[in-house]
Amino acid sequence: MWMILGVLAIGATLVNLYTFSIGKDYKLPMAIALSLTALTVCADYSYLSVWVEGEDWAALADVIPGMGRAWWVLTSISILLNLLPIFLERIRKRVLRVS
C-alpha cells in the first residue's frame, strides 16, 4: 500500500508543479500531494508494525535504518517541491511590484 501511495504522491507533486507552470490554481494538487506523502509514511509505519507484532527482529534490523533515512529525505523533498510554487509566486509578485 505504501508503494501505491508513494507513486500517487509523486504524481500529485508533478501535477502541482505543472498546474503552477501553466498558471492555474495549484493549491488543491499541493494539498493532495502533501496528504498522500503523509499517508505513505503512515502506511509504511503500519507495515513495519506487523513485523514488530510478529517479532521479526532481523527484518526490522535490516529495513529500519535505511528506510528511516529514506523517509526523512523523501518527505523533505516532497515538502520542498510542493511548497516551491508558493515561493516562486511570491518572488514573481515581488519582481512585478519593483518593475
N, C-alpha and C. Protein backbone atom coordinates (compact mmCIF):
# COMPACT_ATOMS: atom_id res chain seq x y z
N MET A 1 0.82 -1.20 0.00
CA MET A 1 0.00 0.00 0.00
C MET A 1 0.86 1.26 0.00
N TRP A 2 1.96 1.22 0.79
CA TRP A 2 2.79 2.42 0.86
C TRP A 2 3.42 2.74 -0.49
N MET A 3 3.68 1.70 -1.29
CA MET A 3 4.27 1.93 -2.62
C MET A 3 3.28 2.64 -3.53
N ILE A 4 2.03 2.22 -3.47
CA ILE A 4 0.98 2.85 -4.29
C ILE A 4 0.80 4.30 -3.86
N LEU A 5 0.71 4.53 -2.56
CA LEU A 5 0.55 5.90 -2.07
C LEU A 5 1.75 6.77 -2.44
N GLY A 6 2.94 6.19 -2.39
CA GLY A 6 4.14 6.93 -2.75
C GLY A 6 4.13 7.35 -4.21
N VAL A 7 3.73 6.44 -5.08
CA VAL A 7 3.66 6.77 -6.51
C VAL A 7 2.59 7.83 -6.75
N LEU A 8 1.46 7.72 -6.07
CA LEU A 8 0.41 8.74 -6.19
C LEU A 8 0.89 10.09 -5.68
N ALA A 9 1.68 10.09 -4.60
CA ALA A 9 2.22 11.34 -4.06
C ALA A 9 3.16 12.00 -5.07
N ILE A 10 3.99 11.20 -5.72
CA ILE A 10 4.89 11.74 -6.75
C ILE A 10 4.08 12.31 -7.91
N GLY A 11 3.07 11.57 -8.33
CA GLY A 11 2.21 12.05 -9.41
C GLY A 11 1.50 13.34 -9.06
N ALA A 12 0.99 13.43 -7.84
CA ALA A 12 0.29 14.65 -7.42
C ALA A 12 1.27 15.82 -7.32
N THR A 13 2.51 15.56 -6.94
CA THR A 13 3.51 16.61 -6.90
C THR A 13 3.80 17.12 -8.31
N LEU A 14 3.91 16.22 -9.26
CA LEU A 14 4.11 16.63 -10.65
C LEU A 14 2.93 17.43 -11.18
N VAL A 15 1.72 17.02 -10.82
CA VAL A 15 0.53 17.78 -11.22
C VAL A 15 0.56 19.17 -10.58
N ASN A 16 0.96 19.24 -9.32
CA ASN A 16 1.08 20.52 -8.62
C ASN A 16 2.03 21.45 -9.38
N LEU A 17 3.22 20.96 -9.71
CA LEU A 17 4.20 21.78 -10.41
C LEU A 17 3.71 22.15 -11.81
N TYR A 18 3.04 21.22 -12.48
CA TYR A 18 2.51 21.51 -13.82
C TYR A 18 1.42 22.57 -13.77
N THR A 19 0.48 22.44 -12.84
CA THR A 19 -0.61 23.42 -12.77
C THR A 19 -0.06 24.81 -12.45
N PHE A 20 0.98 24.87 -11.62
CA PHE A 20 1.60 26.17 -11.35
C PHE A 20 2.26 26.72 -12.61
N SER A 21 2.95 25.85 -13.35
CA SER A 21 3.69 26.32 -14.53
C SER A 21 2.76 26.84 -15.62
N ILE A 22 1.52 26.36 -15.70
CA ILE A 22 0.59 26.86 -16.71
C ILE A 22 -0.30 27.97 -16.16
N GLY A 23 -0.07 28.36 -14.91
CA GLY A 23 -0.78 29.50 -14.35
C GLY A 23 -2.13 29.19 -13.74
N LYS A 24 -2.41 27.94 -13.48
CA LYS A 24 -3.70 27.57 -12.87
C LYS A 24 -3.53 27.51 -11.34
N ASP A 25 -4.66 27.34 -10.64
CA ASP A 25 -4.62 27.24 -9.19
C ASP A 25 -4.01 25.90 -8.79
N TYR A 26 -2.93 25.95 -8.05
CA TYR A 26 -2.14 24.75 -7.71
C TYR A 26 -2.37 24.28 -6.28
N LYS A 27 -3.22 24.95 -5.53
CA LYS A 27 -3.33 24.65 -4.09
C LYS A 27 -3.97 23.30 -3.80
N LEU A 28 -4.96 22.89 -4.57
CA LEU A 28 -5.57 21.59 -4.34
C LEU A 28 -4.59 20.44 -4.65
N PRO A 29 -3.90 20.46 -5.81
CA PRO A 29 -2.90 19.40 -6.03
C PRO A 29 -1.79 19.41 -4.96
N MET A 30 -1.44 20.59 -4.46
CA MET A 30 -0.42 20.67 -3.42
C MET A 30 -0.92 19.98 -2.14
N ALA A 31 -2.16 20.25 -1.77
CA ALA A 31 -2.72 19.63 -0.57
C ALA A 31 -2.85 18.12 -0.74
N ILE A 32 -3.25 17.69 -1.92
CA ILE A 32 -3.37 16.25 -2.18
C ILE A 32 -2.00 15.59 -2.12
N ALA A 33 -0.99 16.21 -2.71
CA ALA A 33 0.36 15.63 -2.72
C ALA A 33 0.93 15.53 -1.31
N LEU A 34 0.76 16.57 -0.52
CA LEU A 34 1.28 16.52 0.85
C LEU A 34 0.51 15.51 1.70
N SER A 35 -0.79 15.41 1.46
CA SER A 35 -1.59 14.41 2.19
C SER A 35 -1.18 13.00 1.81
N LEU A 36 -0.94 12.76 0.53
CA LEU A 36 -0.50 11.44 0.10
C LEU A 36 0.89 11.10 0.64
N THR A 37 1.73 12.11 0.77
CA THR A 37 3.05 11.88 1.36
C THR A 37 2.90 11.43 2.81
N ALA A 38 2.05 12.11 3.55
CA ALA A 38 1.82 11.73 4.95
C ALA A 38 1.21 10.33 5.04
N LEU A 39 0.27 10.02 4.16
CA LEU A 39 -0.35 8.69 4.16
C LEU A 39 0.66 7.60 3.80
N THR A 40 1.61 7.92 2.93
CA THR A 40 2.65 6.97 2.57
C THR A 40 3.49 6.60 3.79
N VAL A 41 3.89 7.61 4.54
CA VAL A 41 4.69 7.36 5.75
C VAL A 41 3.88 6.56 6.77
N CYS A 42 2.62 6.91 6.94
CA CYS A 42 1.76 6.17 7.87
C CYS A 42 1.58 4.72 7.44
N ALA A 43 1.39 4.49 6.14
CA ALA A 43 1.21 3.13 5.64
C ALA A 43 2.48 2.30 5.85
N ASP A 44 3.63 2.92 5.65
CA ASP A 44 4.88 2.19 5.88
C ASP A 44 5.06 1.87 7.36
N TYR A 45 4.72 2.81 8.20
CA TYR A 45 4.80 2.59 9.64
C TYR A 45 3.89 1.42 10.04
N SER A 46 2.69 1.38 9.49
CA SER A 46 1.77 0.28 9.78
C SER A 46 2.32 -1.05 9.30
N TYR A 47 2.95 -1.04 8.13
CA TYR A 47 3.55 -2.24 7.58
C TYR A 47 4.66 -2.75 8.51
N LEU A 48 5.46 -1.84 9.03
CA LEU A 48 6.54 -2.24 9.93
C LEU A 48 6.00 -2.72 11.28
N SER A 49 4.87 -2.19 11.69
CA SER A 49 4.30 -2.64 12.97
C SER A 49 3.89 -4.10 12.92
N VAL A 50 3.56 -4.60 11.73
CA VAL A 50 3.24 -6.02 11.58
C VAL A 50 4.48 -6.86 11.90
N TRP A 51 5.64 -6.38 11.47
CA TRP A 51 6.88 -7.09 11.77
C TRP A 51 7.17 -7.09 13.27
N VAL A 52 6.85 -5.97 13.93
CA VAL A 52 7.06 -5.90 15.38
C VAL A 52 6.15 -6.90 16.07
N GLU A 53 4.88 -6.92 15.68
CA GLU A 53 3.94 -7.87 16.29
C GLU A 53 4.38 -9.32 16.04
N GLY A 54 4.96 -9.57 14.90
CA GLY A 54 5.44 -10.92 14.59
C GLY A 54 6.84 -11.18 15.14
N GLU A 55 7.39 -10.20 15.81
CA GLU A 55 8.72 -10.28 16.41
C GLU A 55 9.79 -10.70 15.40
N ASP A 56 9.70 -10.12 14.22
CA ASP A 56 10.68 -10.39 13.17
C ASP A 56 11.80 -9.34 13.28
N TRP A 57 12.62 -9.51 14.30
CA TRP A 57 13.65 -8.51 14.62
C TRP A 57 14.72 -8.41 13.53
N ALA A 58 15.02 -9.51 12.87
CA ALA A 58 16.03 -9.49 11.81
C ALA A 58 15.56 -8.60 10.65
N ALA A 59 14.31 -8.73 10.28
CA ALA A 59 13.77 -7.90 9.19
C ALA A 59 13.78 -6.44 9.60
N LEU A 60 13.39 -6.16 10.82
CA LEU A 60 13.39 -4.78 11.30
C LEU A 60 14.80 -4.20 11.33
N ALA A 61 15.75 -5.00 11.78
CA ALA A 61 17.14 -4.53 11.84
C ALA A 61 17.68 -4.24 10.44
N ASP A 62 17.23 -4.99 9.45
CA ASP A 62 17.68 -4.77 8.08
C ASP A 62 17.03 -3.54 7.44
N VAL A 63 15.76 -3.33 7.73
CA VAL A 63 14.98 -2.33 6.99
C VAL A 63 14.98 -0.96 7.66
N ILE A 64 14.80 -0.91 8.95
CA ILE A 64 14.58 0.37 9.64
C ILE A 64 15.68 1.40 9.44
N PRO A 65 16.96 1.08 9.58
CA PRO A 65 17.97 2.13 9.43
C PRO A 65 17.94 2.83 8.07
N GLY A 66 17.86 2.05 7.02
CA GLY A 66 17.83 2.66 5.69
C GLY A 66 16.52 3.35 5.39
N MET A 67 15.42 2.73 5.77
CA MET A 67 14.11 3.31 5.49
C MET A 67 13.89 4.59 6.28
N GLY A 68 14.40 4.62 7.50
CA GLY A 68 14.25 5.84 8.30
C GLY A 68 14.89 7.04 7.61
N ARG A 69 16.11 6.86 7.14
CA ARG A 69 16.80 7.94 6.42
C ARG A 69 16.08 8.27 5.12
N ALA A 70 15.67 7.23 4.41
CA ALA A 70 14.99 7.45 3.13
C ALA A 70 13.70 8.24 3.31
N TRP A 71 12.91 7.90 4.34
CA TRP A 71 11.65 8.63 4.55
C TRP A 71 11.91 10.08 4.91
N TRP A 72 12.93 10.34 5.72
CA TRP A 72 13.26 11.74 6.04
C TRP A 72 13.62 12.51 4.78
N VAL A 73 14.47 11.94 3.96
CA VAL A 73 14.92 12.62 2.74
C VAL A 73 13.75 12.80 1.76
N LEU A 74 13.01 11.72 1.50
CA LEU A 74 11.93 11.80 0.53
C LEU A 74 10.79 12.71 0.99
N THR A 75 10.48 12.68 2.27
CA THR A 75 9.44 13.57 2.79
C THR A 75 9.88 15.03 2.70
N SER A 76 11.14 15.29 3.02
CA SER A 76 11.66 16.66 2.92
C SER A 76 11.62 17.16 1.48
N ILE A 77 12.01 16.31 0.54
CA ILE A 77 11.97 16.69 -0.87
C ILE A 77 10.53 16.95 -1.30
N SER A 78 9.61 16.11 -0.86
CA SER A 78 8.20 16.30 -1.21
C SER A 78 7.67 17.64 -0.69
N ILE A 79 8.00 17.95 0.54
CA ILE A 79 7.55 19.22 1.12
C ILE A 79 8.13 20.39 0.33
N LEU A 80 9.43 20.35 0.05
CA LEU A 80 10.07 21.45 -0.69
C LEU A 80 9.49 21.60 -2.09
N LEU A 81 9.32 20.49 -2.81
CA LEU A 81 8.77 20.58 -4.16
C LEU A 81 7.34 21.09 -4.17
N ASN A 82 6.55 20.68 -3.17
CA ASN A 82 5.16 21.12 -3.14
C ASN A 82 5.01 22.56 -2.67
N LEU A 83 5.96 23.06 -1.91
CA LEU A 83 5.92 24.45 -1.48
C LEU A 83 6.62 25.39 -2.47
N LEU A 84 7.37 24.83 -3.41
CA LEU A 84 8.09 25.64 -4.39
C LEU A 84 7.20 26.63 -5.13
N PRO A 85 6.01 26.25 -5.59
CA PRO A 85 5.15 27.24 -6.26
C PRO A 85 4.79 28.44 -5.38
N ILE A 86 4.64 28.24 -4.10
CA ILE A 86 4.33 29.37 -3.21
C ILE A 86 5.48 30.36 -3.20
N PHE A 87 6.71 29.84 -3.06
CA PHE A 87 7.88 30.72 -3.04
C PHE A 87 8.08 31.40 -4.39
N LEU A 88 7.90 30.67 -5.48
CA LEU A 88 8.05 31.26 -6.81
C LEU A 88 7.00 32.33 -7.07
N GLU A 89 5.79 32.09 -6.58
CA GLU A 89 4.73 33.08 -6.76
C GLU A 89 5.05 34.37 -5.99
N ARG A 90 5.58 34.23 -4.79
CA ARG A 90 5.97 35.41 -4.01
C ARG A 90 7.08 36.18 -4.70
N ILE A 91 8.06 35.46 -5.23
CA ILE A 91 9.16 36.12 -5.94
C ILE A 91 8.63 36.83 -7.17
N ARG A 92 7.72 36.18 -7.90
CA ARG A 92 7.13 36.78 -9.11
C ARG A 92 6.38 38.06 -8.76
N LYS A 93 5.61 38.03 -7.66
CA LYS A 93 4.87 39.23 -7.25
C LYS A 93 5.80 40.35 -6.85
N ARG A 94 6.90 40.01 -6.17
CA ARG A 94 7.88 41.00 -5.76
C ARG A 94 8.54 41.65 -6.96
N VAL A 95 8.88 40.85 -7.96
CA VAL A 95 9.51 41.36 -9.17
C VAL A 95 8.54 42.27 -9.92
N LEU A 96 7.28 41.90 -9.99
CA LEU A 96 6.28 42.73 -10.68
C LEU A 96 6.06 44.04 -9.95
N ARG A 97 6.13 44.03 -8.62
CA ARG A 97 5.97 45.27 -7.84
C ARG A 97 7.12 46.23 -8.09
N VAL A 98 8.32 45.70 -8.23
CA VAL A 98 9.51 46.53 -8.41
C VAL A 98 9.54 47.14 -9.79
N SER A 99 9.10 46.40 -10.81
CA SER A 99 9.18 46.94 -12.17
C SER A 99 8.05 47.84 -12.52
